[in-house]
Amino acid sequence: MRAILTWHSVDESDSPISVRPEVFRRQVEFLGSGRVRVVPLAALAAATDDGEDAVALTFDDGFANVGAIALPELAAQRLPATVFVVPEHVGGRNDWGGHTTRGIPTLPLMDWRALGVARDAGFEIGAHTRRHRDLAAIGGAALEDEVAGCVERMDAELGERPSSFAYPYGRTSPEAITVVRDVYARAVTTEFRLLRGTEDHALLPRIDMYYFRSPGQLESWGNASFMRRLWIRAQGRRVRRLVAGDGVSM
């Protein structure tokens, strides 16, 4: 069984993008136990389904608390992870386009120095567009700038071109997928499921760890209760997309 696990922020707010530090530490303790093999995102995406349990770890947006809390915890367990960042907001806050979202905390993001430290410690720094724009709502030059311009800025700041990408809000379009496929080796969505035997590397699904915060939920990996929880959450997301009339959100 293979999966890409994802987090956003490690903070005390209990918001939909947050897990508390003590919850994250418990999740990492399980991941470091050896019960499930943790591998880099590139390795997991390239692997075939040989029946071995394996996961890759990802973080969206590059919150400063991830650099201060999450990455040191992972480093102590020698666990790899990918952090997806928004270059035009690096060192700023997650008020994308100058807007805030009700129920979502506005928090500091890692700066380029902190991202360089994370990269040097072995963590992959991936791209999350230049400004965190909804790629399903733009096209042409604006889309190219968000997807490809992101690479140029990150290369200039970190001396390394990202090969992994995360779609903001999990939203995409046929045009966006084509551009992403041309620029990156792999891209992740918010489609809530395990990896299958073969996957489109431009549309990799993930499992949000917000839904596995209670004791025993992540630790039940692979058993009937874990699979049931996974199925219920996946159905809930599908219903919300249908109600919203969103045919392209992942």
C-alpha atoms as a PDB file:
ATOM      1  CA  MET A   1       0.000   0.000   0.000  1.00  0.00           C
ATOM      2  CA  ARG A   2       1.476   3.335  -1.088  1.00  0.00           C
ATOM      3  CA  ALA A   3       0.414   6.901  -0.305  1.00  0.00           C
ATOM      4  CA  ILE A   4       1.579  10.506  -0.340  1.00  0.00           C
ATOM      5  CA  LEU A   5       0.799  12.138   3.010  1.00  0.00           C
ATOM      6  CA  THR A   6       0.393  15.885   3.312  1.00  0.00           C
ATOM      7  CA  TRP A   7       0.307  18.650   5.921  1.00  0.00           C
ATOM      8  CA  HIS A   8       0.156  22.428   5.766  1.00  0.00           C
ATOM      9  CA  SER A   9       0.771  24.126   9.122  1.00  0.00           C
ATOM     10  CA  VAL A  10       1.850  22.805  12.523  1.00  0.00           C
ATOM     11  CA  ASP A  11       0.146  25.169  14.963  1.00  0.00           C
ATOM     12  CA  GLU A  12      -2.380  25.358  17.794  1.00  0.00           C
ATOM     13  CA  SER A  13      -5.308  26.865  15.865  1.00  0.00           C
ATOM     14  CA  ASP A  14      -7.139  23.624  14.987  1.00  0.00           C
ATOM     15  CA  SER A  15      -7.939  25.146  11.594  1.00  0.00           C
ATOM     16  CA  PRO A  16      -8.577  22.922   8.540  1.00  0.00           C
ATOM     17  CA  ILE A  17      -4.942  23.403   7.458  1.00  0.00           C
ATOM     18  CA  SER A  18      -3.426  22.783  10.876  1.00  0.00           C
ATOM     19  CA  VAL A  19      -2.299  19.987  13.149  1.00  0.00           C
ATOM     20  CA  ARG A  20      -1.095  20.667  16.666  1.00  0.00           C
ATOM     21  CA  PRO A  21       2.619  20.130  17.420  1.00  0.00           C
ATOM     22  CA  GLU A  22       1.902  17.245  19.810  1.00  0.00           C
ATOM     23  CA  VAL A  23      -0.260  15.569  17.166  1.00  0.00           C
ATOM     24  CA  PHE A  24       2.444  15.958  14.555  1.00  0.00           C
ATOM     25  CA  ARG A  25       5.042  14.477  16.910  1.00  0.00           C
ATOM     26  CA  ARG A  26       2.834  11.447  17.496  1.00  0.00           C
ATOM     27  CA  GLN A  27       2.353  11.015  13.739  1.00  0.00           C
ATOM     28  CA  VAL A  28       6.116  11.248  13.203  1.00  0.00           C
ATOM     29  CA  GLU A  29       6.743   8.732  15.966  1.00  0.00           C
ATOM     30  CA  PHE A  30       4.619   6.235  14.047  1.00  0.00           C
ATOM     31  CA  LEU A  31       6.281   7.085  10.735  1.00  0.00           C
ATOM     32  CA  GLY A  32       9.696   6.649  12.298  1.00  0.00           C
ATOM     33  CA  SER A  33       8.790   3.290  13.836  1.00  0.00           C
ATOM     34  CA  GLY A  34       9.508   1.378  10.627  1.00  0.00           C
ATOM     35  CA  ARG A  35       5.940   0.085  10.375  1.00  0.00           C
ATOM     36  CA  VAL A  36       5.665   1.957   7.057  1.00  0.00           C
ATOM     37  CA  ARG A  37       8.696   2.800   4.927  1.00  0.00           C
ATOM     38  CA  VAL A  38       9.120   6.551   4.309  1.00  0.00           C
ATOM     39  CA  VAL A  39      10.796   7.402   0.997  1.00  0.00           C
ATOM     40  CA  PRO A  40      11.402  10.572  -1.041  1.00  0.00           C
ATOM     41  CA  LEU A  41       8.518  11.695  -3.226  1.00  0.00           C
ATOM     42  CA  ALA A  42      10.474  11.025  -6.428  1.00  0.00           C
ATOM     43  CA  ALA A  43      11.215   7.450  -5.355  1.00  0.00           C
ATOM     44  CA  LEU A  44       7.601   6.743  -4.418  1.00  0.00           C
ATOM     45  CA  ALA A  45       6.250   8.181  -7.673  1.00  0.00           C
ATOM     46  CA  ALA A  46       8.697   6.097  -9.701  1.00  0.00           C
ATOM     47  CA  ALA A  47       8.143   2.833  -7.810  1.00  0.00           C
ATOM     48  CA  THR A  48       5.792   0.079  -8.893  1.00  0.00           C
ATOM     49  CA  ASP A  49       3.306  -1.407  -6.467  1.00  0.00           C
ATOM     50  CA  ASP A  50       5.238  -4.382  -5.106  1.00  0.00           C
ATOM     51  CA  GLY A  51       2.962  -4.821  -2.109  1.00  0.00           C
ATOM     52  CA  GLU A  52       5.328  -3.091   0.325  1.00  0.00           C
ATOM     53  CA  ASP A  53       3.908  -0.323   2.499  1.00  0.00           C
ATOM     54  CA  ALA A  54       5.574   2.982   1.597  1.00  0.00           C
ATOM     55  CA  VAL A  55       4.737   6.671   1.926  1.00  0.00           C
ATOM     56  CA  ALA A  56       6.166  10.042   0.929  1.00  0.00           C
ATOM     57  CA  LEU A  57       5.684  13.160   3.095  1.00  0.00           C
ATOM     58  CA  THR A  58       4.751  16.600   1.741  1.00  0.00           C
ATOM     59  CA  PHE A  59       4.025  20.067   3.137  1.00  0.00           C
ATOM     60  CA  ASP A  60       2.206  22.799   1.225  1.00  0.00           C
ATOM     61  CA  ASP A  61       2.963  26.542   1.391  1.00  0.00           C
ATOM     62  CA  GLY A  62       6.224  26.451   3.387  1.00  0.00           C
ATOM     63  CA  PHE A  63       5.008  27.758   6.731  1.00  0.00           C
ATOM     64  CA  ALA A  64       7.687  28.970   9.142  1.00  0.00           C
ATOM     65  CA  ASN A  65       6.356  26.575  11.788  1.00  0.00           C
ATOM     66  CA  VAL A  66       7.124  23.674   9.438  1.00  0.00           C
ATOM     67  CA  GLY A  67      10.748  24.793   9.363  1.00  0.00           C
ATOM     68  CA  ALA A  68      10.839  25.335  13.122  1.00  0.00           C
ATOM     69  CA  ILE A  69       8.891  22.265  14.281  1.00  0.00           C
ATOM     70  CA  ALA A  70       8.185  19.699  11.565  1.00  0.00           C
ATOM     71  CA  LEU A  71      11.481  19.473   9.710  1.00  0.00           C
ATOM     72  CA  PRO A  72      13.636  19.087  12.863  1.00  0.00           C
ATOM     73  CA  GLU A  73      11.310  16.291  14.040  1.00  0.00           C
ATOM     74  CA  LEU A  74      11.665  14.552  10.678  1.00  0.00           C
ATOM     75  CA  ALA A  75      15.421  15.087  10.577  1.00  0.00           C
ATOM     76  CA  ALA A  76      15.758  13.481  14.007  1.00  0.00           C
ATOM     77  CA  GLN A  77      14.050  10.385  12.602  1.00  0.00           C
ATOM     78  CA  ARG A  78      15.957  10.671   9.282  1.00  0.00           C
ATOM     79  CA  LEU A  79      12.715  10.898   7.349  1.00  0.00           C
ATOM     80  CA  PRO A  80      12.669  12.656   3.935  1.00  0.00           C
ATOM     81  CA  ALA A  81       9.994  15.169   2.927  1.00  0.00           C
ATOM     82  CA  THR A  82       9.081  17.678   0.226  1.00  0.00           C
ATOM     83  CA  VAL A  83       8.096  21.280   1.028  1.00  0.00           C
ATOM     84  CA  PHE A  84       6.115  23.111  -1.672  1.00  0.00           C
ATOM     85  CA  VAL A  85       6.700  26.880  -1.601  1.00  0.00           C
ATOM     86  CA  VAL A  86       5.246  30.008  -3.217  1.00  0.00           C
ATOM     87  CA  PRO A  87       8.242  32.145  -4.300  1.00  0.00           C
ATOM     88  CA  GLU A  88       6.522  35.542  -4.339  1.00  0.00           C
ATOM     89  CA  HIS A  89       5.367  34.976  -0.740  1.00  0.00           C
ATOM     90  CA  VAL A  90       8.576  33.441   0.651  1.00  0.00           C
ATOM     91  CA  GLY A  91       9.436  35.314   3.843  1.00  0.00           C
ATOM     92  CA  GLY A  92       5.927  36.769   3.927  1.00  0.00           C
ATOM     93  CA  ARG A  93       2.568  35.338   4.936  1.00  0.00           C
ATOM     94  CA  ASN A  94      -0.120  33.142   3.411  1.00  0.00           C
ATOM     95  CA  ASP A  95      -2.401  36.046   2.446  1.00  0.00           C
ATOM     96  CA  TRP A  96      -2.409  34.972  -1.184  1.00  0.00           C
ATOM     97  CA  GLY A  97      -3.055  37.946  -3.460  1.00  0.00           C
ATOM     98  CA  GLY A  98      -3.551  40.135  -0.402  1.00  0.00           C
ATOM     99  CA  HIS A  99      -6.607  38.129   0.673  1.00  0.00           C
ATOM    100  CA  THR A 100      -7.329  36.059   3.756  1.00  0.00           C
ATOM    101  CA  THR A 101      -9.762  33.154   4.116  1.00  0.00           C
ATOM    102  CA  ARG A 102     -12.235  32.855   6.953  1.00  0.00           C
ATOM    103  CA  GLY A 103     -11.230  30.082   9.327  1.00  0.00           C
ATOM    104  CA  ILE A 104      -7.676  29.897   7.974  1.00  0.00           C
ATOM    105  CA  PRO A 105      -4.936  31.519  10.104  1.00  0.00           C
ATOM    106  CA  THR A 106      -2.598  34.016   8.460  1.00  0.00           C
ATOM    107  CA  LEU A 107       0.880  32.839   9.423  1.00  0.00           C
ATOM    108  CA  PRO A 108       4.531  33.552   8.580  1.00  0.00           C
ATOM    109  CA  LEU A 109       6.201  31.586   5.796  1.00  0.00           C
ATOM    110  CA  MET A 110       9.790  30.359   5.648  1.00  0.00           C
ATOM    111  CA  ASP A 111      12.286  32.780   4.096  1.00  0.00           C
ATOM    112  CA  TRP A 112      14.909  31.877   1.489  1.00  0.00           C
ATOM    113  CA  ARG A 113      17.600  31.372   4.124  1.00  0.00           C
ATOM    114  CA  ALA A 114      15.445  28.874   6.022  1.00  0.00           C
ATOM    115  CA  LEU A 115      14.553  27.100   2.784  1.00  0.00           C
ATOM    116  CA  GLY A 116      18.246  26.874   1.912  1.00  0.00           C
ATOM    117  CA  VAL A 117      18.945  25.319   5.309  1.00  0.00           C
ATOM    118  CA  ALA A 118      16.140  22.806   4.744  1.00  0.00           C
ATOM    119  CA  ARG A 119      17.446  21.986   1.273  1.00  0.00           C
ATOM    120  CA  ASP A 120      20.970  21.511   2.615  1.00  0.00           C
ATOM    121  CA  ALA A 121      19.569  19.176   5.286  1.00  0.00           C
ATOM    122  CA  GLY A 122      18.249  16.927   2.524  1.00  0.00           C
ATOM    123  CA  PHE A 123      14.637  18.069   2.213  1.00  0.00           C
ATOM    124  CA  GLU A 124      13.245  18.592  -1.277  1.00  0.00           C
ATOM    125  CA  ILE A 125      11.958  22.096  -2.040  1.00  0.00           C
ATOM    126  CA  GLY A 126       9.142  21.893  -4.580  1.00  0.00           C
ATOM    127  CA  ALA A 127       7.098  24.530  -6.382  1.00  0.00           C
ATOM    128  CA  HIS A 128       3.560  25.690  -5.546  1.00  0.00           C
ATOM    129  CA  THR A 129       3.248  28.378  -8.296  1.00  0.00           C
ATOM    130  CA  ARG A 130       4.643  31.905  -8.056  1.00  0.00           C
ATOM    131  CA  ARG A 131       1.687  33.501  -6.236  1.00  0.00           C
ATOM    132  CA  HIS A 132      -0.651  30.636  -5.213  1.00  0.00           C
ATOM    133  CA  ARG A 133      -3.196  31.418  -7.928  1.00  0.00           C
ATOM    134  CA  ASP A 134      -6.023  29.083  -8.896  1.00  0.00           C
ATOM    135  CA  LEU A 135      -4.707  27.487 -12.098  1.00  0.00           C
ATOM    136  CA  ALA A 136      -8.207  26.514 -13.227  1.00  0.00           C
ATOM    137  CA  ALA A 137      -9.059  30.220 -13.446  1.00  0.00           C
ATOM    138  CA  ILE A 138      -6.153  31.400 -15.626  1.00  0.00           C
ATOM    139  CA  GLY A 139      -4.528  30.471 -18.907  1.00  0.00           C
ATOM    140  CA  GLY A 140      -2.024  31.564 -21.526  1.00  0.00           C
ATOM    141  CA  ALA A 141       0.864  33.767 -20.393  1.00  0.00           C
ATOM    142  CA  ALA A 142      -0.478  34.082 -16.839  1.00  0.00           C
ATOM    143  CA  LEU A 143      -0.546  30.311 -16.454  1.00  0.00           C
ATOM    144  CA  GLU A 144       2.945  29.949 -17.901  1.00  0.00           C
ATOM    145  CA  ASP A 145       4.235  32.598 -15.506  1.00  0.00           C
ATOM    146  CA  GLU A 146       2.723  30.892 -12.469  1.00  0.00           C
ATOM    147  CA  VAL A 147       4.030  27.445 -13.400  1.00  0.00           C
ATOM    148  CA  ALA A 148       7.303  28.020 -15.287  1.00  0.00           C
ATOM    149  CA  GLY A 149       8.195  31.422 -13.813  1.00  0.00           C
ATOM    150  CA  CYS A 150       8.125  29.744 -10.437  1.00  0.00           C
ATOM    151  CA  VAL A 151      11.050  27.552 -11.516  1.00  0.00           C
ATOM    152  CA  GLU A 152      13.187  30.496 -12.599  1.00  0.00           C
ATOM    153  CA  ARG A 153      12.682  32.365  -9.328  1.00  0.00           C
ATOM    154  CA  MET A 154      13.480  29.319  -7.217  1.00  0.00           C
ATOM    155  CA  ASP A 155      16.577  28.547  -9.271  1.00  0.00           C
ATOM    156  CA  ALA A 156      17.784  32.122  -8.801  1.00  0.00           C
ATOM    157  CA  GLU A 157      17.257  32.018  -5.023  1.00  0.00           C
ATOM    158  CA  LEU A 158      18.284  28.437  -4.207  1.00  0.00           C
ATOM    159  CA  GLY A 159      20.559  27.509  -7.115  1.00  0.00           C
ATOM    160  CA  GLU A 160      18.375  24.513  -7.864  1.00  0.00           C
ATOM    161  CA  ARG A 161      15.428  23.964 -10.194  1.00  0.00           C
ATOM    162  CA  PRO A 162      12.432  22.226  -8.582  1.00  0.00           C
ATOM    163  CA  SER A 163      11.223  19.007 -10.162  1.00  0.00           C
ATOM    164  CA  SER A 164       8.080  18.518  -8.027  1.00  0.00           C
ATOM    165  CA  PHE A 165       4.939  20.666  -8.101  1.00  0.00           C
ATOM    166  CA  ALA A 166       1.724  21.043  -6.075  1.00  0.00           C
ATOM    167  CA  TYR A 167      -1.457  22.569  -7.535  1.00  0.00           C
ATOM    168  CA  PRO A 168      -2.827  25.402  -5.329  1.00  0.00           C
ATOM    169  CA  TYR A 169      -6.189  24.404  -3.837  1.00  0.00           C
ATOM    170  CA  GLY A 170      -5.784  21.142  -5.754  1.00  0.00           C
ATOM    171  CA  ARG A 171      -7.460  22.842  -8.723  1.00  0.00           C
ATOM    172  CA  THR A 172      -6.363  22.308 -12.283  1.00  0.00           C
ATOM    173  CA  SER A 173      -7.495  22.272 -15.911  1.00  0.00           C
ATOM    174  CA  PRO A 174      -6.435  20.471 -19.098  1.00  0.00           C
ATOM    175  CA  GLU A 175      -4.255  23.446 -20.052  1.00  0.00           C
ATOM    176  CA  ALA A 176      -2.668  23.626 -16.601  1.00  0.00           C
ATOM    177  CA  ILE A 177      -1.932  19.897 -16.602  1.00  0.00           C
ATOM    178  CA  THR A 178      -0.228  20.207 -19.997  1.00  0.00           C
ATOM    179  CA  VAL A 179       1.989  23.078 -18.820  1.00  0.00           C
ATOM    180  CA  VAL A 180       2.854  21.347 -15.545  1.00  0.00           C
ATOM    181  CA  ARG A 181       3.678  18.131 -17.365  1.00  0.00           C
ATOM    182  CA  ASP A 182       6.109  20.025 -19.625  1.00  0.00           C
ATOM    183  CA  VAL A 183       7.922  21.692 -16.712  1.00  0.00           C
ATOM    184  CA  TYR A 184       7.980  19.211 -13.819  1.00  0.00           C
ATOM    185  CA  ALA A 185       8.772  15.539 -13.362  1.00  0.00           C
ATOM    186  CA  ARG A 186       5.806  15.048 -11.012  1.00  0.00           C
ATOM    187  CA  ALA A 187       2.883  16.970  -9.536  1.00  0.00           C
ATOM    188  CA  VAL A 188       0.544  16.338  -6.618  1.00  0.00           C
ATOM    189  CA  THR A 189      -3.153  17.113  -6.249  1.00  0.00           C
ATOM    190  CA  THR A 190      -5.576  17.009  -3.327  1.00  0.00           C
ATOM    191  CA  GLU A 191      -7.413  13.937  -4.617  1.00  0.00           C
ATOM    192  CA  PHE A 192      -7.890  11.948  -1.418  1.00  0.00           C
ATOM    193  CA  ARG A 193      -6.788   8.351  -1.996  1.00  0.00           C
ATOM    194  CA  LEU A 194      -3.939   5.851  -2.001  1.00  0.00           C
ATOM    195  CA  LEU A 195      -1.647   5.432  -4.973  1.00  0.00           C
ATOM    196  CA  ARG A 196      -2.666   2.743  -7.434  1.00  0.00           C
ATOM    197  CA  GLY A 197      -0.434   0.413  -9.408  1.00  0.00           C
ATOM    198  CA  THR A 198       0.153   3.027 -12.091  1.00  0.00           C
ATOM    199  CA  GLU A 199      -0.425   6.761 -11.811  1.00  0.00           C
ATOM    200  CA  ASP A 200      -0.285   9.840 -14.007  1.00  0.00           C
ATOM    201  CA  HIS A 201       2.793  11.599 -12.598  1.00  0.00           C
ATOM    202  CA  ALA A 202       1.149  14.968 -13.252  1.00  0.00           C
ATOM    203  CA  LEU A 203      -1.889  14.079 -11.093  1.00  0.00           C
ATOM    204  CA  LEU A 204      -0.681  12.218  -8.012  1.00  0.00           C
ATOM    205  CA  PRO A 205      -3.220  11.835  -5.164  1.00  0.00           C
ATOM    206  CA  ARG A 206      -2.512  12.587  -1.505  1.00  0.00           C
ATOM    207  CA  ILE A 207      -3.953  11.903   1.952  1.00  0.00           C
ATOM    208  CA  ASP A 208      -4.372  14.933   4.236  1.00  0.00           C
ATOM    209  CA  MET A 209      -3.101  14.210   7.752  1.00  0.00           C
ATOM    210  CA  TYR A 210      -5.626  16.659   9.219  1.00  0.00           C
ATOM    211  CA  TYR A 211      -8.083  13.760   9.074  1.00  0.00           C
ATOM    212  CA  PHE A 212      -5.793  11.440  11.047  1.00  0.00           C
ATOM    213  CA  ARG A 213      -5.153  13.593  14.115  1.00  0.00           C
ATOM    214  CA  SER A 214      -6.737  11.448  16.818  1.00  0.00           C
ATOM    215  CA  PRO A 215      -4.642   8.802  18.591  1.00  0.00           C
ATOM    216  CA  GLY A 216      -4.677   5.478  16.780  1.00  0.00           C
ATOM    217  CA  GLN A 217      -5.984   6.777  13.435  1.00  0.00           C
ATOM    218  CA  LEU A 218      -2.691   6.885  11.537  1.00  0.00           C
ATOM    219  CA  GLU A 219      -1.407   3.981  13.610  1.00  0.00           C
ATOM    220  CA  SER A 220      -4.254   1.846  12.226  1.00  0.00           C
ATOM    221  CA  TRP A 221      -2.562   2.043   8.813  1.00  0.00           C
ATOM    222  CA  GLY A 222      -3.898  -0.606   6.442  1.00  0.00           C
ATOM    223  CA  ASN A 223      -6.512  -2.150   8.682  1.00  0.00           C
ATOM    224  CA  ALA A 224     -10.291  -2.046   8.199  1.00  0.00           C
ATOM    225  CA  SER A 225     -10.864   1.109  10.266  1.00  0.00           C
ATOM    226  CA  PHE A 226      -8.139   2.982   8.379  1.00  0.00           C
ATOM    227  CA  MET A 227      -9.566   2.005   5.003  1.00  0.00           C
ATOM    228  CA  ARG A 228     -13.095   2.897   6.102  1.00  0.00           C
ATOM    229  CA  ARG A 229     -11.978   6.345   7.291  1.00  0.00           C
ATOM    230  CA  LEU A 230     -10.138   6.874   4.017  1.00  0.00           C
ATOM    231  CA  TRP A 231     -13.231   5.931   2.006  1.00  0.00           C
ATOM    232  CA  ILE A 232     -15.571   8.163   4.020  1.00  0.00           C
ATOM    233  CA  ARG A 233     -13.318  11.213   3.674  1.00  0.00           C
ATOM    234  CA  ALA A 234     -12.867  10.605  -0.045  1.00  0.00           C
ATOM    235  CA  GLN A 235     -16.647  10.397  -0.553  1.00  0.00           C
ATOM    236  CA  GLY A 236     -17.130  13.628   1.390  1.00  0.00           C
ATOM    237  CA  ARG A 237     -14.721  15.442  -0.895  1.00  0.00           C
ATOM    238  CA  ARG A 238     -16.423  14.104  -4.010  1.00  0.00           C
ATOM    239  CA  VAL A 239     -19.825  15.277  -2.756  1.00  0.00           C
ATOM    240  CA  ARG A 240     -18.485  18.758  -2.010  1.00  0.00           C
ATOM    241  CA  ARG A 241     -17.047  19.004  -5.525  1.00  0.00           C
ATOM    242  CA  LEU A 242     -20.355  17.944  -7.063  1.00  0.00           C
ATOM    243  CA  VAL A 243     -22.329  20.433  -4.964  1.00  0.00           C
ATOM    244  CA  ALA A 244     -19.907  23.178  -5.974  1.00  0.00           C
ATOM    245  CA  GLY A 245     -20.203  22.171  -9.621  1.00  0.00           C
ATOM    246  CA  ASP A 246     -16.430  21.815  -9.760  1.00  0.00           C
ATOM    247  CA  GLY A 247     -15.472  19.312 -12.409  1.00  0.00           C
ATOM    248  CA  VAL A 248     -11.732  19.966 -12.352  1.00  0.00           C
ATOM    249  CA  SER A 249     -10.790  20.290  -8.688  1.00  0.00           C
ATOM    250  CA  MET A 250      -8.735  17.375  -7.377  1.00  0.00           C
END
